[in-house]
Amino acid sequence: MIFLDNRQNLVKITEELEYSIKEVIEHALREEKVNLPCEVSIIFVDNDCIRDINSENRNIDKITDVLSFPMLEYPPGKVFKDVYMDYEFQPEDMDGGKLILGDIAISLEKAEEQSREFGHSFLREVCYLTVHSLLHLLGYDHMKDEDKKIMRSREEEILQKFKL
C-alpha cells in the first residue's frame, strides 16, 4: 500500500505523477524481491518544509531533495533482499498484515529545480528521487564509495527497466 500526502501548494500534482510514483514503487519493490504486502508513505513538501524536517531529524539546516525514514534495520552491508528470509519481523514492523517499510519526504519544489538543472523531465526527477529513497528504506546507503556505486547502479537499472 502506498500513501501519498501533499503538504505543499507550489507544484501541481497531476494524476500522471501520482500514477507514475505508485507504479515505479511497485516496479522497484518487484526488482528488489519484496514479495510480501508492504506499506510506504510519501509526503510532498516544499523547500522550507524539507529544510525544517532535515534540521529536526538530522541536525542539518539545509534544503535537500528527498529524505528517507526507514522502519527496518539491516545488518551492515546488507539490504532487504539479502536478509528478509531470515528476518524476524516484530509486531511493530507490521500494520494489518503489511510490512511497514518507512516514510519518504520529497520536496517537489527542489525536484522541479533539479529537473531543469539536469535537463530532464520533472516526472523523471520525482521518480528518480522516489526510487532513491525507496532503496534507502530497503537498506541501501551511499556513505561509502563502494556502497554509492552499488546504490547508483540499482537506481539506474530500476529506472531503465521502468523505461524512464
N, C-alpha and C. Protein backbone atom coordinates (compact mmCIF):
# COMPACT_ATOMS: atom_id res chain seq x y z
N MET A 1 0.84 -1.17 0.00
CA MET A 1 0.00 0.00 0.00
C MET A 1 0.89 1.24 0.00
N ILE A 2 0.53 2.18 -0.84
CA ILE A 2 1.32 3.40 -0.98
C ILE A 2 0.43 4.58 -0.63
N PHE A 3 0.86 5.36 0.33
CA PHE A 3 0.12 6.55 0.74
C PHE A 3 0.84 7.79 0.23
N LEU A 4 0.11 8.66 -0.44
CA LEU A 4 0.66 9.93 -0.91
C LEU A 4 -0.05 11.06 -0.17
N ASP A 5 0.72 12.00 0.35
CA ASP A 5 0.16 13.10 1.12
C ASP A 5 0.80 14.40 0.63
N ASN A 6 -0.01 15.29 0.09
CA ASN A 6 0.51 16.56 -0.43
C ASN A 6 0.40 17.64 0.64
N ARG A 7 1.54 18.19 1.04
CA ARG A 7 1.57 19.25 2.05
C ARG A 7 2.20 20.52 1.49
N GLN A 8 2.12 20.70 0.19
CA GLN A 8 2.70 21.88 -0.45
C GLN A 8 1.72 22.36 -1.51
N ASN A 9 1.88 23.61 -1.92
CA ASN A 9 0.99 24.13 -2.95
C ASN A 9 1.74 24.89 -4.06
N LEU A 10 3.05 24.65 -4.17
CA LEU A 10 3.85 25.34 -5.18
C LEU A 10 3.91 24.58 -6.51
N VAL A 11 3.78 23.26 -6.45
CA VAL A 11 3.91 22.42 -7.64
C VAL A 11 2.64 21.60 -7.77
N LYS A 12 2.05 21.65 -8.96
CA LYS A 12 0.82 20.90 -9.21
C LYS A 12 1.13 19.40 -9.29
N ILE A 13 0.32 18.63 -8.59
CA ILE A 13 0.46 17.18 -8.63
C ILE A 13 -0.63 16.64 -9.56
N THR A 14 -0.20 16.06 -10.66
CA THR A 14 -1.13 15.53 -11.65
C THR A 14 -1.44 14.07 -11.35
N GLU A 15 -2.50 13.58 -11.97
CA GLU A 15 -2.82 12.15 -11.86
C GLU A 15 -1.69 11.31 -12.44
N GLU A 16 -1.08 11.81 -13.54
CA GLU A 16 0.04 11.08 -14.15
C GLU A 16 1.20 10.94 -13.16
N LEU A 17 1.50 12.01 -12.42
CA LEU A 17 2.58 11.95 -11.44
C LEU A 17 2.25 10.94 -10.35
N GLU A 18 1.06 11.01 -9.79
CA GLU A 18 0.67 10.07 -8.74
C GLU A 18 0.74 8.63 -9.24
N TYR A 19 0.19 8.40 -10.44
CA TYR A 19 0.19 7.06 -11.01
C TYR A 19 1.62 6.58 -11.23
N SER A 20 2.47 7.42 -11.79
CA SER A 20 3.86 7.03 -12.06
C SER A 20 4.63 6.72 -10.79
N ILE A 21 4.40 7.49 -9.75
CA ILE A 21 5.08 7.24 -8.47
C ILE A 21 4.67 5.87 -7.93
N LYS A 22 3.39 5.61 -7.93
CA LYS A 22 2.93 4.30 -7.43
C LYS A 22 3.48 3.17 -8.28
N GLU A 23 3.47 3.35 -9.59
CA GLU A 23 3.98 2.31 -10.49
C GLU A 23 5.48 2.08 -10.31
N VAL A 24 6.26 3.16 -10.17
CA VAL A 24 7.70 2.99 -10.03
C VAL A 24 8.03 2.35 -8.68
N ILE A 25 7.25 2.63 -7.66
CA ILE A 25 7.47 1.97 -6.36
C ILE A 25 7.18 0.47 -6.49
N GLU A 26 6.06 0.13 -7.08
CA GLU A 26 5.72 -1.28 -7.24
C GLU A 26 6.76 -2.00 -8.09
N HIS A 27 7.22 -1.34 -9.15
CA HIS A 27 8.26 -1.89 -10.01
C HIS A 27 9.56 -2.12 -9.21
N ALA A 28 9.98 -1.11 -8.46
CA ALA A 28 11.21 -1.21 -7.67
C ALA A 28 11.10 -2.31 -6.61
N LEU A 29 9.95 -2.42 -5.98
CA LEU A 29 9.76 -3.48 -4.98
C LEU A 29 9.89 -4.86 -5.62
N ARG A 30 9.32 -5.04 -6.80
CA ARG A 30 9.47 -6.33 -7.51
C ARG A 30 10.94 -6.58 -7.84
N GLU A 31 11.62 -5.54 -8.34
CA GLU A 31 13.04 -5.67 -8.70
C GLU A 31 13.90 -6.03 -7.49
N GLU A 32 13.49 -5.55 -6.32
CA GLU A 32 14.24 -5.79 -5.09
C GLU A 32 13.75 -7.01 -4.32
N LYS A 33 12.89 -7.79 -4.96
CA LYS A 33 12.41 -9.07 -4.40
C LYS A 33 11.59 -8.90 -3.12
N VAL A 34 10.86 -7.79 -3.04
CA VAL A 34 9.94 -7.59 -1.91
C VAL A 34 8.61 -8.22 -2.34
N ASN A 35 8.41 -9.46 -1.88
CA ASN A 35 7.27 -10.25 -2.33
C ASN A 35 6.21 -10.42 -1.25
N LEU A 36 6.07 -9.45 -0.39
CA LEU A 36 5.05 -9.51 0.63
C LEU A 36 4.36 -8.15 0.70
N PRO A 37 3.13 -8.14 1.18
CA PRO A 37 2.43 -6.85 1.26
C PRO A 37 3.20 -5.88 2.15
N CYS A 38 3.33 -4.65 1.67
CA CYS A 38 4.07 -3.66 2.45
C CYS A 38 3.43 -2.29 2.32
N GLU A 39 3.94 -1.39 3.13
CA GLU A 39 3.40 -0.04 3.21
C GLU A 39 4.53 0.98 3.11
N VAL A 40 4.32 1.99 2.26
CA VAL A 40 5.26 3.10 2.10
C VAL A 40 4.43 4.38 2.11
N SER A 41 4.87 5.37 2.85
CA SER A 41 4.19 6.66 2.88
C SER A 41 5.10 7.72 2.28
N ILE A 42 4.51 8.55 1.41
CA ILE A 42 5.27 9.65 0.80
C ILE A 42 4.54 10.95 1.09
N ILE A 43 5.30 11.91 1.58
CA ILE A 43 4.76 13.25 1.81
C ILE A 43 5.46 14.20 0.84
N PHE A 44 4.66 15.00 0.14
CA PHE A 44 5.20 16.01 -0.77
C PHE A 44 5.23 17.33 -0.03
N VAL A 45 6.40 17.98 -0.05
CA VAL A 45 6.59 19.23 0.68
C VAL A 45 7.29 20.24 -0.22
N ASP A 46 7.46 21.45 0.31
CA ASP A 46 8.24 22.47 -0.39
C ASP A 46 9.61 22.57 0.26
N ASN A 47 10.45 23.47 -0.25
CA ASN A 47 11.82 23.59 0.25
C ASN A 47 11.88 24.00 1.72
N ASP A 48 11.01 24.92 2.14
CA ASP A 48 11.03 25.34 3.54
C ASP A 48 10.71 24.18 4.47
N CYS A 49 9.73 23.40 4.10
CA CYS A 49 9.32 22.28 4.94
C CYS A 49 10.40 21.21 5.01
N ILE A 50 11.00 20.86 3.87
CA ILE A 50 12.03 19.81 3.90
C ILE A 50 13.26 20.28 4.66
N ARG A 51 13.52 21.57 4.61
CA ARG A 51 14.63 22.12 5.40
C ARG A 51 14.34 21.94 6.89
N ASP A 52 13.11 22.20 7.30
CA ASP A 52 12.72 22.01 8.70
C ASP A 52 12.84 20.54 9.11
N ILE A 53 12.36 19.65 8.26
CA ILE A 53 12.44 18.21 8.55
C ILE A 53 13.89 17.77 8.65
N ASN A 54 14.73 18.24 7.74
CA ASN A 54 16.15 17.91 7.73
C ASN A 54 16.83 18.41 9.00
N SER A 55 16.50 19.62 9.39
CA SER A 55 17.08 20.21 10.60
C SER A 55 16.63 19.45 11.85
N GLU A 56 15.36 19.14 11.90
CA GLU A 56 14.78 18.45 13.04
C GLU A 56 15.32 17.04 13.21
N ASN A 57 15.47 16.32 12.12
CA ASN A 57 15.81 14.90 12.18
C ASN A 57 17.28 14.58 11.99
N ARG A 58 18.01 15.48 11.31
CA ARG A 58 19.41 15.19 11.01
C ARG A 58 20.35 16.30 11.50
N ASN A 59 19.79 17.32 12.11
CA ASN A 59 20.58 18.48 12.57
C ASN A 59 21.35 19.13 11.43
N ILE A 60 20.76 19.08 10.22
CA ILE A 60 21.36 19.73 9.05
C ILE A 60 20.38 20.79 8.58
N ASP A 61 20.72 22.04 8.80
CA ASP A 61 19.83 23.16 8.45
C ASP A 61 20.04 23.53 6.99
N LYS A 62 19.52 22.67 6.10
CA LYS A 62 19.78 22.83 4.67
C LYS A 62 18.62 22.22 3.89
N ILE A 63 18.29 22.83 2.76
CA ILE A 63 17.30 22.27 1.87
C ILE A 63 17.90 21.05 1.20
N THR A 64 17.11 20.00 1.06
CA THR A 64 17.52 18.81 0.34
C THR A 64 16.37 18.38 -0.55
N ASP A 65 16.59 17.41 -1.40
CA ASP A 65 15.54 16.99 -2.33
C ASP A 65 14.63 15.92 -1.75
N VAL A 66 15.20 14.98 -1.01
CA VAL A 66 14.40 13.86 -0.50
C VAL A 66 15.02 13.36 0.80
N LEU A 67 14.16 12.90 1.69
CA LEU A 67 14.60 12.30 2.95
C LEU A 67 13.88 10.97 3.13
N SER A 68 14.59 10.01 3.69
CA SER A 68 14.05 8.68 3.90
C SER A 68 14.05 8.36 5.39
N PHE A 69 12.98 7.70 5.83
CA PHE A 69 12.86 7.30 7.23
C PHE A 69 12.50 5.83 7.29
N PRO A 70 13.54 4.95 7.19
CA PRO A 70 13.29 3.51 7.19
C PRO A 70 12.79 3.02 8.55
N MET A 71 11.93 2.03 8.50
CA MET A 71 11.42 1.44 9.72
C MET A 71 12.18 0.18 10.11
N LEU A 72 12.86 -0.44 9.17
CA LEU A 72 13.59 -1.68 9.44
C LEU A 72 15.08 -1.40 9.52
N GLU A 73 15.76 -2.21 10.31
CA GLU A 73 17.22 -2.11 10.41
C GLU A 73 17.83 -3.33 9.72
N TYR A 74 18.96 -3.10 9.08
CA TYR A 74 19.62 -4.16 8.34
C TYR A 74 21.05 -4.32 8.85
N PRO A 75 21.58 -5.53 8.78
CA PRO A 75 23.00 -5.69 9.14
C PRO A 75 23.87 -4.88 8.18
N PRO A 76 25.03 -4.44 8.63
CA PRO A 76 25.92 -3.65 7.77
C PRO A 76 26.17 -4.35 6.44
N GLY A 77 26.05 -3.59 5.36
CA GLY A 77 26.31 -4.12 4.03
C GLY A 77 25.21 -5.00 3.45
N LYS A 78 24.10 -5.14 4.15
CA LYS A 78 23.00 -5.99 3.69
C LYS A 78 21.78 -5.13 3.37
N VAL A 79 20.99 -5.61 2.43
CA VAL A 79 19.73 -4.95 2.07
C VAL A 79 18.60 -5.94 2.23
N PHE A 80 17.39 -5.47 2.06
CA PHE A 80 16.21 -6.29 2.30
C PHE A 80 16.30 -7.66 1.64
N LYS A 81 16.61 -7.68 0.33
CA LYS A 81 16.59 -8.95 -0.39
C LYS A 81 17.67 -9.92 0.10
N ASP A 82 18.68 -9.41 0.81
CA ASP A 82 19.72 -10.28 1.38
C ASP A 82 19.28 -10.96 2.66
N VAL A 83 18.35 -10.35 3.38
CA VAL A 83 18.06 -10.83 4.74
C VAL A 83 16.60 -11.17 5.02
N TYR A 84 15.66 -10.83 4.14
CA TYR A 84 14.27 -10.93 4.54
C TYR A 84 13.82 -12.36 4.85
N MET A 85 14.41 -13.36 4.23
CA MET A 85 14.02 -14.74 4.53
C MET A 85 14.39 -15.11 5.97
N ASP A 86 15.46 -14.52 6.48
CA ASP A 86 15.91 -14.82 7.84
C ASP A 86 15.45 -13.79 8.86
N TYR A 87 14.82 -12.73 8.38
CA TYR A 87 14.44 -11.62 9.25
C TYR A 87 13.21 -11.99 10.07
N GLU A 88 13.26 -11.73 11.35
CA GLU A 88 12.10 -11.97 12.22
C GLU A 88 11.38 -10.65 12.41
N PHE A 89 10.28 -10.49 11.68
CA PHE A 89 9.51 -9.27 11.78
C PHE A 89 8.82 -9.19 13.13
N GLN A 90 8.90 -8.02 13.73
CA GLN A 90 8.27 -7.77 15.02
C GLN A 90 6.88 -7.19 14.79
N PRO A 91 6.01 -7.28 15.80
CA PRO A 91 4.66 -6.71 15.63
C PRO A 91 4.68 -5.24 15.22
N GLU A 92 5.64 -4.47 15.71
CA GLU A 92 5.71 -3.05 15.36
C GLU A 92 6.15 -2.83 13.90
N ASP A 93 6.67 -3.88 13.25
CA ASP A 93 7.04 -3.80 11.84
C ASP A 93 5.84 -3.96 10.92
N MET A 94 4.71 -4.38 11.49
CA MET A 94 3.54 -4.73 10.68
C MET A 94 2.36 -3.80 11.00
N ASP A 95 1.52 -3.63 9.98
CA ASP A 95 0.27 -2.89 10.14
C ASP A 95 -0.81 -3.62 9.34
N GLY A 96 -1.67 -4.33 10.04
CA GLY A 96 -2.74 -5.06 9.36
C GLY A 96 -2.21 -6.07 8.36
N GLY A 97 -1.12 -6.75 8.68
CA GLY A 97 -0.55 -7.74 7.79
C GLY A 97 0.39 -7.18 6.74
N LYS A 98 0.60 -5.88 6.76
CA LYS A 98 1.52 -5.25 5.80
C LYS A 98 2.80 -4.84 6.52
N LEU A 99 3.93 -5.10 5.89
CA LEU A 99 5.23 -4.70 6.42
C LEU A 99 5.41 -3.21 6.19
N ILE A 100 5.69 -2.47 7.24
CA ILE A 100 5.90 -1.03 7.13
C ILE A 100 7.36 -0.78 6.78
N LEU A 101 7.59 -0.33 5.55
CA LEU A 101 8.96 -0.07 5.11
C LEU A 101 9.47 1.29 5.59
N GLY A 102 8.59 2.30 5.63
CA GLY A 102 9.02 3.60 6.11
C GLY A 102 8.35 4.75 5.38
N ASP A 103 8.90 5.92 5.63
CA ASP A 103 8.35 7.16 5.10
C ASP A 103 9.37 7.88 4.23
N ILE A 104 8.84 8.61 3.26
CA ILE A 104 9.66 9.38 2.33
C ILE A 104 9.10 10.80 2.28
N ALA A 105 9.98 11.79 2.35
CA ALA A 105 9.58 13.19 2.15
C ALA A 105 10.31 13.71 0.91
N ILE A 106 9.53 14.22 -0.05
CA ILE A 106 10.10 14.74 -1.30
C ILE A 106 9.74 16.21 -1.43
N SER A 107 10.74 17.05 -1.63
CA SER A 107 10.48 18.45 -1.95
C SER A 107 10.21 18.55 -3.45
N LEU A 108 8.95 18.75 -3.80
CA LEU A 108 8.61 18.90 -5.22
C LEU A 108 9.20 20.18 -5.79
N GLU A 109 9.34 21.19 -4.94
CA GLU A 109 9.97 22.44 -5.38
C GLU A 109 11.42 22.18 -5.79
N LYS A 110 12.15 21.43 -4.96
CA LYS A 110 13.56 21.10 -5.28
C LYS A 110 13.62 20.17 -6.48
N ALA A 111 12.71 19.23 -6.58
CA ALA A 111 12.68 18.32 -7.72
C ALA A 111 12.47 19.08 -9.02
N GLU A 112 11.62 20.08 -8.98
CA GLU A 112 11.39 20.90 -10.17
C GLU A 112 12.66 21.67 -10.56
N GLU A 113 13.34 22.23 -9.56
CA GLU A 113 14.60 22.94 -9.81
C GLU A 113 15.63 21.99 -10.42
N GLN A 114 15.75 20.80 -9.86
CA GLN A 114 16.76 19.84 -10.32
C GLN A 114 16.43 19.30 -11.70
N SER A 115 15.16 19.14 -12.02
CA SER A 115 14.81 18.65 -13.36
C SER A 115 15.30 19.64 -14.42
N ARG A 116 15.16 20.93 -14.13
CA ARG A 116 15.66 21.94 -15.07
C ARG A 116 17.19 21.92 -15.11
N GLU A 117 17.81 21.83 -13.93
CA GLU A 117 19.27 21.82 -13.84
C GLU A 117 19.88 20.63 -14.58
N PHE A 118 19.26 19.45 -14.47
CA PHE A 118 19.80 18.24 -15.08
C PHE A 118 19.29 18.01 -16.50
N GLY A 119 18.35 18.83 -16.94
CA GLY A 119 17.86 18.74 -18.31
C GLY A 119 16.99 17.54 -18.61
N HIS A 120 16.22 17.10 -17.63
CA HIS A 120 15.26 16.04 -17.90
C HIS A 120 13.90 16.42 -17.31
N SER A 121 12.92 15.58 -17.50
CA SER A 121 11.56 15.93 -17.10
C SER A 121 11.39 15.92 -15.58
N PHE A 122 10.41 16.68 -15.14
CA PHE A 122 10.04 16.70 -13.73
C PHE A 122 9.60 15.31 -13.29
N LEU A 123 8.85 14.62 -14.14
CA LEU A 123 8.39 13.27 -13.83
C LEU A 123 9.57 12.34 -13.60
N ARG A 124 10.57 12.42 -14.46
CA ARG A 124 11.76 11.57 -14.30
C ARG A 124 12.48 11.89 -12.99
N GLU A 125 12.59 13.16 -12.65
CA GLU A 125 13.28 13.55 -11.42
C GLU A 125 12.55 13.03 -10.18
N VAL A 126 11.23 13.19 -10.16
CA VAL A 126 10.47 12.72 -8.99
C VAL A 126 10.53 11.20 -8.89
N CYS A 127 10.46 10.50 -10.02
CA CYS A 127 10.56 9.04 -9.98
C CYS A 127 11.95 8.61 -9.53
N TYR A 128 12.99 9.31 -9.99
CA TYR A 128 14.34 9.01 -9.53
C TYR A 128 14.44 9.19 -8.01
N LEU A 129 13.96 10.31 -7.50
CA LEU A 129 14.02 10.57 -6.06
C LEU A 129 13.24 9.53 -5.28
N THR A 130 12.12 9.10 -5.84
CA THR A 130 11.31 8.07 -5.19
C THR A 130 12.07 6.76 -5.11
N VAL A 131 12.66 6.34 -6.22
CA VAL A 131 13.43 5.09 -6.23
C VAL A 131 14.63 5.20 -5.29
N HIS A 132 15.33 6.32 -5.35
CA HIS A 132 16.48 6.55 -4.46
C HIS A 132 16.07 6.37 -3.00
N SER A 133 15.00 7.02 -2.64
CA SER A 133 14.56 6.98 -1.25
C SER A 133 14.03 5.60 -0.86
N LEU A 134 13.32 4.95 -1.78
CA LEU A 134 12.82 3.60 -1.51
C LEU A 134 13.99 2.64 -1.27
N LEU A 135 15.05 2.79 -2.04
CA LEU A 135 16.22 1.94 -1.82
C LEU A 135 16.82 2.17 -0.43
N HIS A 136 16.77 3.40 0.06
CA HIS A 136 17.19 3.65 1.44
C HIS A 136 16.31 2.87 2.42
N LEU A 137 15.00 2.85 2.15
CA LEU A 137 14.08 2.11 3.04
C LEU A 137 14.40 0.61 3.02
N LEU A 138 15.01 0.16 1.94
CA LEU A 138 15.35 -1.26 1.79
C LEU A 138 16.78 -1.57 2.21
N GLY A 139 17.47 -0.59 2.79
CA GLY A 139 18.80 -0.84 3.36
C GLY A 139 19.98 -0.33 2.57
N TYR A 140 19.76 0.22 1.38
CA TYR A 140 20.88 0.75 0.60
C TYR A 140 21.37 2.06 1.21
N ASP A 141 22.65 2.32 1.01
CA ASP A 141 23.24 3.55 1.52
C ASP A 141 24.28 4.05 0.53
N HIS A 142 24.70 5.28 0.69
CA HIS A 142 25.72 5.83 -0.20
C HIS A 142 26.76 6.64 0.55
N MET A 143 27.02 6.24 1.79
CA MET A 143 28.02 6.95 2.58
C MET A 143 29.45 6.55 2.17
N LYS A 144 29.64 5.28 1.85
CA LYS A 144 30.95 4.82 1.39
C LYS A 144 30.92 4.73 -0.13
N ASP A 145 32.07 4.95 -0.76
CA ASP A 145 32.14 4.94 -2.22
C ASP A 145 31.64 3.63 -2.83
N GLU A 146 32.03 2.49 -2.24
CA GLU A 146 31.61 1.21 -2.82
C GLU A 146 30.09 1.02 -2.69
N ASP A 147 29.50 1.50 -1.58
CA ASP A 147 28.05 1.43 -1.41
C ASP A 147 27.33 2.38 -2.38
N LYS A 148 27.94 3.54 -2.60
CA LYS A 148 27.36 4.52 -3.51
C LYS A 148 27.28 3.96 -4.93
N LYS A 149 28.34 3.26 -5.36
CA LYS A 149 28.34 2.65 -6.70
C LYS A 149 27.22 1.62 -6.83
N ILE A 150 27.05 0.81 -5.80
CA ILE A 150 26.00 -0.22 -5.82
C ILE A 150 24.62 0.44 -5.88
N MET A 151 24.42 1.44 -5.05
CA MET A 151 23.11 2.10 -5.00
C MET A 151 22.81 2.82 -6.32
N ARG A 152 23.76 3.56 -6.85
CA ARG A 152 23.55 4.27 -8.12
C ARG A 152 23.24 3.30 -9.25
N SER A 153 23.94 2.19 -9.25
CA SER A 153 23.71 1.17 -10.27
C SER A 153 22.29 0.61 -10.18
N ARG A 154 21.83 0.32 -8.96
CA ARG A 154 20.47 -0.20 -8.76
C ARG A 154 19.44 0.84 -9.19
N GLU A 155 19.67 2.10 -8.84
CA GLU A 155 18.73 3.17 -9.24
C GLU A 155 18.57 3.19 -10.76
N GLU A 156 19.69 3.19 -11.46
CA GLU A 156 19.64 3.28 -12.92
C GLU A 156 19.03 2.04 -13.55
N GLU A 157 19.37 0.86 -13.02
CA GLU A 157 18.79 -0.39 -13.53
C GLU A 157 17.27 -0.37 -13.38
N ILE A 158 16.80 0.03 -12.23
CA ILE A 158 15.36 0.06 -11.96
C ILE A 158 14.67 1.07 -12.89
N LEU A 159 15.24 2.26 -13.01
CA LEU A 159 14.63 3.28 -13.86
C LEU A 159 14.66 2.89 -15.34
N GLN A 160 15.75 2.24 -15.78
CA GLN A 160 15.82 1.81 -17.17
C GLN A 160 14.77 0.74 -17.47
N LYS A 161 14.63 -0.22 -16.57
CA LYS A 161 13.61 -1.25 -16.77
C LYS A 161 12.20 -0.68 -16.70
N PHE A 162 12.05 0.41 -15.97
CA PHE A 162 10.76 1.10 -15.89
C PHE A 162 10.54 1.99 -17.11
N LYS A 163 11.58 2.08 -17.95
CA LYS A 163 11.54 2.88 -19.18
C LYS A 163 11.48 4.38 -18.90
N LEU A 164 12.29 4.80 -17.91
CA LEU A 164 12.32 6.22 -17.57
C LEU A 164 13.75 6.72 -17.50
